[in-house]
């Protein structure tokens, strides 16, 4: 993971957008190919947590929403930006 993160850098808004889109389609394409048997098979992360591939997908989704909430909070409370965005609708 250290070598992965050392090679990944998003320094501009455009690179962040491109990274989100690229990673979304990579995830989607990889999951789309999985059979039901593969989705319910367990896999272990490098830090030792074991879930089925379906559960990992739910964890990824929860993680994305977590960061979305962090970003929203930072913009509202730290940068005093009124985003006029409903977070949950």
Protein backbone atom coordinates (compact mmCIF):
# COMPACT_ATOMS: atom_id res chain seq x y z
CA UNK A 1 0.00 0.00 0.00
CA UNK A 2 2.90 2.37 0.69
CA UNK A 3 4.22 1.97 -2.83
CA UNK A 4 0.70 2.35 -4.26
CA UNK A 5 0.04 5.62 -2.45
CA UNK A 6 3.53 6.88 -3.26
CA UNK A 7 2.61 6.61 -6.95
CA UNK A 8 -0.82 8.27 -6.68
CA UNK A 9 -1.18 12.02 -6.48
CA UNK A 10 -4.15 14.27 -7.14
CA UNK A 11 -2.98 17.88 -7.13
CA UNK A 12 -5.72 19.61 -9.11
CA UNK A 13 -9.49 19.57 -9.21
CA UNK A 14 -9.36 18.06 -12.70
CA UNK A 15 -7.04 15.25 -11.56
CA UNK A 16 -9.37 14.52 -8.62
CA UNK A 17 -12.38 14.34 -10.94
CA UNK A 18 -10.49 12.12 -13.39
CA UNK A 19 -9.33 9.84 -10.57
CA UNK A 20 -12.85 9.46 -9.18
CA UNK A 21 -14.28 8.65 -12.60
CA UNK A 22 -11.46 6.27 -13.53
CA UNK A 23 -11.59 4.44 -10.22
CA UNK A 24 -15.39 4.21 -10.32
CA UNK A 25 -15.34 2.59 -13.76
CA UNK A 26 -12.51 0.26 -12.77
CA UNK A 27 -14.47 -0.87 -9.72
CA UNK A 28 -17.69 -1.18 -11.72
CA UNK A 29 -16.05 -3.19 -14.50
CA UNK A 30 -14.35 -5.54 -12.05
CA UNK A 31 -17.50 -6.15 -10.02
CA UNK A 32 -19.68 -6.50 -13.11
CA UNK A 33 -17.64 -9.55 -14.12
CA UNK A 34 -18.09 -11.36 -10.80
CA UNK A 35 -20.42 -14.32 -10.56
CA UNK A 36 -22.71 -14.74 -7.55
CA UNK A 37 -20.30 -17.34 -6.20
CA UNK A 38 -17.42 -14.85 -6.44
CA UNK A 39 -19.51 -12.10 -4.80
CA UNK A 40 -20.16 -14.26 -1.75
CA UNK A 41 -16.61 -15.59 -1.53
CA UNK A 42 -14.51 -14.11 1.24
CA UNK A 43 -11.32 -12.18 0.72
CA UNK A 44 -8.93 -10.71 3.27
CA UNK A 45 -7.40 -7.25 3.10
CA UNK A 46 -3.72 -6.62 3.62
CA UNK A 47 -4.55 -5.36 7.16
CA UNK A 48 -6.32 -8.63 8.02
CA UNK A 49 -10.06 -7.88 7.72
CA UNK A 50 -12.13 -10.55 5.96
CA UNK A 51 -15.40 -9.87 4.14
CA UNK A 52 -17.19 -11.23 1.13
CA UNK A 53 -16.63 -9.25 -2.04
CA UNK A 54 -20.20 -7.96 -1.74
CA UNK A 55 -19.48 -6.75 1.80
CA UNK A 56 -16.29 -5.07 0.56
CA UNK A 57 -18.39 -3.21 -2.01
CA UNK A 58 -20.64 -1.95 0.80
CA UNK A 59 -17.56 -0.89 2.79
CA UNK A 60 -16.25 1.03 -0.23
CA UNK A 61 -19.60 2.80 -0.61
CA UNK A 62 -19.69 3.71 3.09
CA UNK A 63 -16.13 5.02 2.85
CA UNK A 64 -16.97 7.25 -0.13
CA UNK A 65 -19.95 8.73 1.74
CA UNK A 66 -17.74 9.24 4.81
CA UNK A 67 -15.30 11.33 2.77
CA UNK A 68 -18.18 13.17 1.09
CA UNK A 69 -19.41 14.19 4.53
CA UNK A 70 -15.90 15.23 5.59
CA UNK A 71 -15.50 17.41 2.52
CA UNK A 72 -18.92 18.99 3.02
CA UNK A 73 -18.14 19.72 6.69
CA UNK A 74 -14.76 21.24 5.85
CA UNK A 75 -16.23 23.51 3.19
CA UNK A 76 -19.12 24.64 5.41
CA UNK A 77 -17.37 24.98 8.76
CA UNK A 78 -13.75 25.74 7.86
CA UNK A 79 -14.16 27.70 4.63
CA UNK A 80 -17.52 29.29 5.52
CA UNK A 81 -19.03 28.21 2.18
CA UNK A 82 -22.81 27.92 1.83
CA UNK A 83 -23.04 25.04 -0.61
CA UNK A 84 -26.85 24.81 -0.80
CA UNK A 85 -26.46 21.06 -1.26
CA UNK A 86 -28.76 18.54 0.39
CA UNK A 87 -26.55 15.75 1.69
CA UNK A 88 -29.28 13.15 2.12
CA UNK A 89 -32.20 13.19 -0.25
